[in-house]
Amino acid sequence: MNEELTGDAAAAAARHARYGRLPERIRFEEMTQGVEAGPSDGMRASHDPNGAWKHYSCLALDLGL
C-alpha cells in the first residue's frame, strides 16, 4: 500500500513539474499581423454565373434525391 502512495506521489510530482504552471501570456499585438491590402484586380471578386455551380453544395443533389 505504501509503494502505491509513493508511486502516485512521484507521478504527481512529475506531472506538477511538467504541467504545474500556465504558459506565458501572449499579448494581442503579438497575435495579429497587419498586411497592406492592394487594389482588387476584379477577377477574384467578380461573379461568374456559368461557373457558380462549381461552388454550390447541396446534400440532396449529391445523393441524387
C-alpha atoms as a PDB file:
ATOM      1  CA  MET A   1       0.000   0.000   0.000  1.00  0.00           C
ATOM      2  CA  ASN A   2       2.844   2.378   0.844  1.00  0.00           C
ATOM      3  CA  GLU A   3       4.507   1.635  -2.525  1.00  0.00           C
ATOM      4  CA  GLU A   4       1.362   2.743  -4.369  1.00  0.00           C
ATOM      5  CA  LEU A   5       1.285   6.029  -2.480  1.00  0.00           C
ATOM      6  CA  THR A   6       4.925   6.785  -3.228  1.00  0.00           C
ATOM      7  CA  GLY A   7       4.384   5.846  -6.877  1.00  0.00           C
ATOM      8  CA  ASP A   8       1.337   8.091  -7.038  1.00  0.00           C
ATOM      9  CA  ALA A   9       3.211  10.862  -5.241  1.00  0.00           C
ATOM     10  CA  ALA A  10       6.149  10.527  -7.641  1.00  0.00           C
ATOM     11  CA  ALA A  11       3.805  10.605 -10.626  1.00  0.00           C
ATOM     12  CA  ALA A  12       2.010  13.624  -9.187  1.00  0.00           C
ATOM     13  CA  ALA A  13       5.321  15.414  -8.629  1.00  0.00           C
ATOM     14  CA  ALA A  14       6.439  14.672 -12.192  1.00  0.00           C
ATOM     15  CA  ARG A  15       3.085  15.838 -13.537  1.00  0.00           C
ATOM     16  CA  HIS A  16       3.275  19.024 -11.477  1.00  0.00           C
ATOM     17  CA  ALA A  17       6.826  19.693 -12.670  1.00  0.00           C
ATOM     18  CA  ARG A  18       5.710  19.387 -16.281  1.00  0.00           C
ATOM     19  CA  TYR A  19       2.235  20.963 -16.178  1.00  0.00           C
ATOM     20  CA  GLY A  20       2.305  22.848 -12.877  1.00  0.00           C
ATOM     21  CA  ARG A  21       2.010  26.366 -14.292  1.00  0.00           C
ATOM     22  CA  LEU A  22       0.410  28.055 -17.250  1.00  0.00           C
ATOM     23  CA  PRO A  23       2.465  29.207 -20.232  1.00  0.00           C
ATOM     24  CA  GLU A  24       3.449  32.848 -20.518  1.00  0.00           C
ATOM     25  CA  ARG A  25       0.662  35.172 -21.608  1.00  0.00           C
ATOM     26  CA  ILE A  26       0.730  36.329 -25.231  1.00  0.00           C
ATOM     27  CA  ARG A  27      -0.251  39.936 -25.888  1.00  0.00           C
ATOM     28  CA  PHE A  28      -2.897  40.692 -28.527  1.00  0.00           C
ATOM     29  CA  GLU A  29      -0.413  42.721 -30.561  1.00  0.00           C
ATOM     30  CA  GLU A  30       1.801  39.649 -30.870  1.00  0.00           C
ATOM     31  CA  MET A  31      -1.103  37.531 -32.164  1.00  0.00           C
ATOM     32  CA  THR A  32      -2.107  39.845 -35.021  1.00  0.00           C
ATOM     33  CA  GLN A  33      -0.312  40.845 -38.156  1.00  0.00           C
ATOM     34  CA  GLY A  34      -1.103  43.864 -40.291  1.00  0.00           C
ATOM     35  CA  VAL A  35      -0.912  43.387 -44.038  1.00  0.00           C
ATOM     36  CA  GLU A  36      -1.378  46.171 -46.533  1.00  0.00           C
ATOM     37  CA  ALA A  37      -4.247  45.375 -48.915  1.00  0.00           C
ATOM     38  CA  GLY A  38      -3.689  46.133 -52.560  1.00  0.00           C
ATOM     39  CA  PRO A  39      -6.264  47.157 -55.140  1.00  0.00           C
ATOM     40  CA  SER A  40      -8.513  44.369 -56.381  1.00  0.00           C
ATOM     41  CA  ASP A  41      -7.922  43.168 -59.908  1.00  0.00           C
ATOM     42  CA  GLY A  42     -11.653  42.471 -60.353  1.00  0.00           C
ATOM     43  CA  MET A  43     -11.240  38.838 -61.399  1.00  0.00           C
ATOM     44  CA  ARG A  44     -11.360  37.398 -57.903  1.00  0.00           C
ATOM     45  CA  ALA A  45     -14.374  39.446 -56.805  1.00  0.00           C
ATOM     46  CA  SER A  46     -16.440  39.151 -59.992  1.00  0.00           C
ATOM     47  CA  HIS A  47     -19.429  36.804 -60.222  1.00  0.00           C
ATOM     48  CA  ASP A  48     -19.435  34.144 -62.921  1.00  0.00           C
ATOM     49  CA  PRO A  49     -22.982  32.776 -63.380  1.00  0.00           C
ATOM     50  CA  ASN A  50     -21.765  29.942 -65.633  1.00  0.00           C
ATOM     51  CA  GLY A  51     -19.231  28.746 -63.072  1.00  0.00           C
ATOM     52  CA  ALA A  52     -21.402  29.291 -59.979  1.00  0.00           C
ATOM     53  CA  TRP A  53     -22.473  25.631 -59.938  1.00  0.00           C
ATOM     54  CA  LYS A  54     -18.898  24.646 -59.033  1.00  0.00           C
ATOM     55  CA  HIS A  55     -19.261  26.273 -55.623  1.00  0.00           C
ATOM     56  CA  TYR A  56     -22.810  25.131 -54.858  1.00  0.00           C
ATOM     57  CA  SER A  57     -23.168  22.261 -52.414  1.00  0.00           C
ATOM     58  CA  CYS A  58     -26.425  20.528 -51.623  1.00  0.00           C
ATOM     59  CA  LEU A  59     -26.643  17.181 -49.865  1.00  0.00           C
ATOM     60  CA  ALA A  60     -29.898  16.265 -51.611  1.00  0.00           C
ATOM     61  CA  LEU A  61     -28.298  16.924 -55.011  1.00  0.00           C
ATOM     62  CA  ASP A  62     -25.185  14.979 -54.051  1.00  0.00           C
ATOM     63  CA  LEU A  63     -27.327  11.998 -53.076  1.00  0.00           C
ATOM     64  CA  GLY A  64     -29.415  12.250 -56.250  1.00  0.00           C
ATOM     65  CA  LEU A  65     -32.677  12.958 -54.422  1.00  0.00           C
END
